[in-house]
C-alpha cells in the first residue's frame, strides 16, 4: 500500500503537470475547488491519473464527496488496498 506521503507526492506532480498548480500549494487540508481552483472537468483528468496509478476504475460514488487533497489521498489509499 502506498503511504500518505507517497500519494501526496504523486498528487503534487499531477497537479503541477495537469493544472500548473504549484506543488507547495497542494497540502492535505487544501480544498480542491476554492484553494486550488480544480473544477469538475479537471477532476475527470485526476480520476484518469488515479486509474493509471491503481489499475482500478474509480467508483464515482467514492469520488462524489471528495473536497480536499486529503480526501483524494484517502480514496487512492483505499483503492490500493481493495
N, C-alpha and C. Protein backbone atom coordinates (compact mmCIF):
# COMPACT_ATOMS: atom_id res chain seq x y z
N UNK A 1 0.84 -1.19 0.00
CA UNK A 1 0.00 0.00 0.00
C UNK A 1 0.88 1.25 0.00
N UNK A 2 0.43 2.23 -0.75
CA UNK A 2 1.16 3.49 -0.80
C UNK A 2 0.95 4.27 0.50
N UNK A 3 2.01 4.90 0.97
CA UNK A 3 1.88 5.72 2.17
C UNK A 3 1.22 7.05 1.80
N UNK A 4 0.75 7.74 2.81
CA UNK A 4 0.13 9.05 2.58
C UNK A 4 1.12 9.98 1.89
N UNK A 5 2.37 9.94 2.32
CA UNK A 5 3.39 10.82 1.74
C UNK A 5 3.65 10.47 0.27
N UNK A 6 3.68 9.17 -0.06
CA UNK A 6 3.89 8.76 -1.46
C UNK A 6 2.75 9.24 -2.34
N UNK A 7 1.53 9.08 -1.85
CA UNK A 7 0.36 9.52 -2.62
C UNK A 7 0.38 11.03 -2.77
N UNK A 8 0.71 11.74 -1.72
CA UNK A 8 0.75 13.20 -1.77
C UNK A 8 1.78 13.67 -2.79
N UNK A 9 2.93 13.03 -2.84
CA UNK A 9 3.96 13.41 -3.81
C UNK A 9 3.47 13.19 -5.24
N UNK A 10 2.79 12.07 -5.49
CA UNK A 10 2.22 11.80 -6.82
C UNK A 10 1.20 12.88 -7.17
N UNK A 11 0.34 13.19 -6.21
CA UNK A 11 -0.70 14.18 -6.41
C UNK A 11 -0.11 15.55 -6.72
N UNK A 12 0.94 15.91 -6.03
CA UNK A 12 1.60 17.20 -6.28
C UNK A 12 2.14 17.25 -7.71
N UNK A 13 2.76 16.16 -8.15
CA UNK A 13 3.30 16.10 -9.52
C UNK A 13 2.17 16.20 -10.55
N UNK A 14 1.08 15.47 -10.31
CA UNK A 14 -0.06 15.53 -11.24
C UNK A 14 -0.65 16.92 -11.30
N UNK A 15 -0.82 17.55 -10.15
CA UNK A 15 -1.43 18.88 -10.11
C UNK A 15 -0.56 19.90 -10.86
N UNK A 16 0.75 19.74 -10.73
CA UNK A 16 1.65 20.64 -11.44
C UNK A 16 1.58 20.37 -12.95
N UNK A 17 1.63 19.11 -13.35
CA UNK A 17 1.61 18.75 -14.78
C UNK A 17 0.28 19.09 -15.44
N UNK A 18 -0.82 18.71 -14.79
CA UNK A 18 -2.14 18.86 -15.40
C UNK A 18 -2.70 20.27 -15.31
N UNK A 19 -2.52 20.91 -14.15
CA UNK A 19 -3.22 22.16 -13.89
C UNK A 19 -2.30 23.34 -13.59
N UNK A 20 -0.98 23.12 -13.68
CA UNK A 20 0.01 24.17 -13.41
C UNK A 20 -0.15 24.76 -12.01
N UNK A 21 -0.45 23.88 -11.05
CA UNK A 21 -0.57 24.30 -9.66
C UNK A 21 0.78 24.10 -8.97
N UNK A 22 1.22 25.08 -8.25
CA UNK A 22 2.48 24.99 -7.51
C UNK A 22 2.40 23.81 -6.53
N UNK A 23 3.34 22.86 -6.58
CA UNK A 23 3.30 21.70 -5.68
C UNK A 23 3.23 22.08 -4.20
N UNK A 24 3.82 23.22 -3.83
CA UNK A 24 3.79 23.65 -2.43
C UNK A 24 2.37 24.02 -1.98
N UNK A 25 1.51 24.33 -2.93
CA UNK A 25 0.12 24.68 -2.60
C UNK A 25 -0.74 23.44 -2.35
N UNK A 26 -0.25 22.28 -2.78
CA UNK A 26 -1.02 21.04 -2.64
C UNK A 26 -0.74 20.47 -1.25
N UNK A 27 -1.52 20.94 -0.29
CA UNK A 27 -1.42 20.49 1.09
C UNK A 27 -2.65 19.65 1.42
N UNK A 28 -2.53 18.79 2.42
CA UNK A 28 -3.63 17.88 2.75
C UNK A 28 -4.94 18.61 3.05
N UNK A 29 -4.86 19.78 3.66
CA UNK A 29 -6.09 20.49 4.02
C UNK A 29 -6.58 21.44 2.93
N UNK A 30 -5.90 21.47 1.78
CA UNK A 30 -6.31 22.36 0.69
C UNK A 30 -7.60 21.87 0.05
N UNK A 31 -8.53 22.80 -0.13
CA UNK A 31 -9.78 22.48 -0.80
C UNK A 31 -9.54 22.53 -2.31
N UNK A 32 -9.97 21.47 -3.00
CA UNK A 32 -9.70 21.38 -4.43
C UNK A 32 -10.32 22.54 -5.20
N UNK A 33 -11.55 22.88 -4.89
CA UNK A 33 -12.25 23.92 -5.65
C UNK A 33 -11.81 25.33 -5.25
N UNK A 34 -11.86 25.62 -3.96
CA UNK A 34 -11.62 27.01 -3.53
C UNK A 34 -10.14 27.36 -3.41
N UNK A 35 -9.31 26.43 -2.96
CA UNK A 35 -7.89 26.74 -2.78
C UNK A 35 -7.06 26.48 -4.04
N UNK A 36 -7.42 25.42 -4.78
CA UNK A 36 -6.60 25.02 -5.92
C UNK A 36 -7.27 25.26 -7.27
N UNK A 37 -8.52 25.71 -7.25
CA UNK A 37 -9.26 26.04 -8.47
C UNK A 37 -9.39 24.83 -9.40
N UNK A 38 -9.61 23.65 -8.82
CA UNK A 38 -9.84 22.43 -9.59
C UNK A 38 -11.35 22.30 -9.78
N UNK A 39 -11.80 22.29 -11.04
CA UNK A 39 -13.23 22.17 -11.29
C UNK A 39 -13.60 20.74 -11.68
N UNK A 40 -14.87 20.53 -12.01
CA UNK A 40 -15.34 19.17 -12.29
C UNK A 40 -14.68 18.57 -13.53
N UNK A 41 -14.35 19.38 -14.50
CA UNK A 41 -13.65 18.88 -15.69
C UNK A 41 -12.24 18.44 -15.31
N UNK A 42 -11.58 19.24 -14.48
CA UNK A 42 -10.24 18.88 -14.00
C UNK A 42 -10.28 17.59 -13.21
N UNK A 43 -11.36 17.40 -12.46
CA UNK A 43 -11.49 16.20 -11.63
C UNK A 43 -11.48 14.94 -12.49
N UNK A 44 -12.02 15.04 -13.70
CA UNK A 44 -12.02 13.88 -14.61
C UNK A 44 -10.59 13.50 -14.96
N UNK A 45 -9.75 14.50 -15.24
CA UNK A 45 -8.33 14.24 -15.52
C UNK A 45 -7.66 13.57 -14.33
N UNK A 46 -8.04 14.01 -13.15
CA UNK A 46 -7.48 13.44 -11.92
C UNK A 46 -7.90 11.97 -11.76
N UNK A 47 -9.15 11.68 -12.06
CA UNK A 47 -9.66 10.31 -11.98
C UNK A 47 -8.89 9.40 -12.95
N UNK A 48 -8.58 9.90 -14.14
CA UNK A 48 -7.81 9.12 -15.11
C UNK A 48 -6.43 8.79 -14.54
N UNK A 49 -5.78 9.77 -13.91
CA UNK A 49 -4.47 9.54 -13.29
C UNK A 49 -4.55 8.51 -12.16
N UNK A 50 -5.61 8.59 -11.37
CA UNK A 50 -5.79 7.64 -10.27
C UNK A 50 -5.95 6.23 -10.83
N UNK A 51 -6.70 6.10 -11.92
CA UNK A 51 -6.88 4.78 -12.54
C UNK A 51 -5.54 4.25 -13.05
N UNK A 52 -4.72 5.12 -13.65
CA UNK A 52 -3.40 4.71 -14.13
C UNK A 52 -2.54 4.21 -12.97
N UNK A 53 -2.60 4.90 -11.84
CA UNK A 53 -1.78 4.55 -10.68
C UNK A 53 -2.23 3.24 -10.04
N UNK A 54 -3.54 3.10 -9.85
CA UNK A 54 -4.06 1.95 -9.10
C UNK A 54 -4.42 0.77 -10.00
N UNK A 55 -4.64 1.04 -11.29
CA UNK A 55 -5.08 -0.02 -12.18
C UNK A 55 -6.55 -0.37 -12.00
N UNK A 56 -7.26 0.48 -11.27
CA UNK A 56 -8.67 0.23 -10.98
C UNK A 56 -9.52 1.42 -11.38
N UNK A 57 -10.74 1.12 -11.76
CA UNK A 57 -11.71 2.16 -12.09
C UNK A 57 -12.13 2.88 -10.80
N UNK A 58 -12.17 4.18 -10.83
CA UNK A 58 -12.61 4.95 -9.68
C UNK A 58 -14.13 4.88 -9.60
N UNK A 59 -14.64 4.50 -8.45
CA UNK A 59 -16.08 4.46 -8.23
C UNK A 59 -16.57 5.90 -8.10
N UNK A 60 -17.49 6.32 -8.98
CA UNK A 60 -17.98 7.71 -8.89
C UNK A 60 -18.55 8.04 -7.51
N UNK A 61 -19.12 7.04 -6.85
CA UNK A 61 -19.67 7.24 -5.51
C UNK A 61 -18.57 7.63 -4.52
N UNK A 62 -17.38 7.00 -4.68
CA UNK A 62 -16.25 7.30 -3.80
C UNK A 62 -15.73 8.72 -4.03
N UNK A 63 -15.81 9.18 -5.25
CA UNK A 63 -15.22 10.47 -5.60
C UNK A 63 -16.21 11.63 -5.44
N UNK A 64 -17.48 11.30 -5.29
CA UNK A 64 -18.52 12.33 -5.21
C UNK A 64 -18.32 13.26 -4.01
N UNK A 65 -17.84 12.74 -2.91
CA UNK A 65 -17.69 13.53 -1.70
C UNK A 65 -16.29 14.10 -1.49
N UNK A 66 -15.45 13.96 -2.48
CA UNK A 66 -14.08 14.46 -2.39
C UNK A 66 -14.09 15.98 -2.45
N UNK A 67 -13.50 16.60 -1.44
CA UNK A 67 -13.43 18.07 -1.37
C UNK A 67 -12.00 18.57 -1.18
N UNK A 68 -11.18 17.79 -0.47
CA UNK A 68 -9.83 18.24 -0.13
C UNK A 68 -8.78 17.29 -0.71
N UNK A 69 -7.55 17.73 -0.65
CA UNK A 69 -6.44 16.87 -1.07
C UNK A 69 -6.41 15.61 -0.21
N UNK A 70 -6.67 15.75 1.09
CA UNK A 70 -6.71 14.59 1.98
C UNK A 70 -7.75 13.58 1.50
N UNK A 71 -8.90 14.05 1.04
CA UNK A 71 -9.94 13.15 0.53
C UNK A 71 -9.44 12.34 -0.67
N UNK A 72 -8.71 13.00 -1.56
CA UNK A 72 -8.15 12.31 -2.73
C UNK A 72 -7.14 11.26 -2.28
N UNK A 73 -6.28 11.63 -1.35
CA UNK A 73 -5.27 10.70 -0.82
C UNK A 73 -5.96 9.48 -0.22
N UNK A 74 -7.02 9.69 0.54
CA UNK A 74 -7.74 8.60 1.17
C UNK A 74 -8.36 7.67 0.13
N UNK A 75 -8.97 8.23 -0.91
CA UNK A 75 -9.56 7.42 -1.98
C UNK A 75 -8.49 6.54 -2.63
N UNK A 76 -7.33 7.15 -2.94
CA UNK A 76 -6.26 6.39 -3.59
C UNK A 76 -5.74 5.28 -2.66
N UNK A 77 -5.55 5.61 -1.40
CA UNK A 77 -5.07 4.59 -0.46
C UNK A 77 -6.08 3.46 -0.32
N UNK A 78 -7.35 3.78 -0.25
CA UNK A 78 -8.38 2.74 -0.14
C UNK A 78 -8.43 1.86 -1.39
N UNK A 79 -8.23 2.47 -2.55
CA UNK A 79 -8.23 1.71 -3.79
C UNK A 79 -7.01 0.80 -3.89
N UNK A 80 -5.89 1.23 -3.35
CA UNK A 80 -4.67 0.43 -3.47
C UNK A 80 -4.67 -0.79 -2.56
N UNK A 81 -5.55 -0.82 -1.56
CA UNK A 81 -5.63 -2.00 -0.69
C UNK A 81 -6.83 -2.89 -1.04
N UNK A 82 -7.79 -2.33 -1.75
CA UNK A 82 -9.00 -3.09 -2.08
C UNK A 82 -8.74 -4.13 -3.14
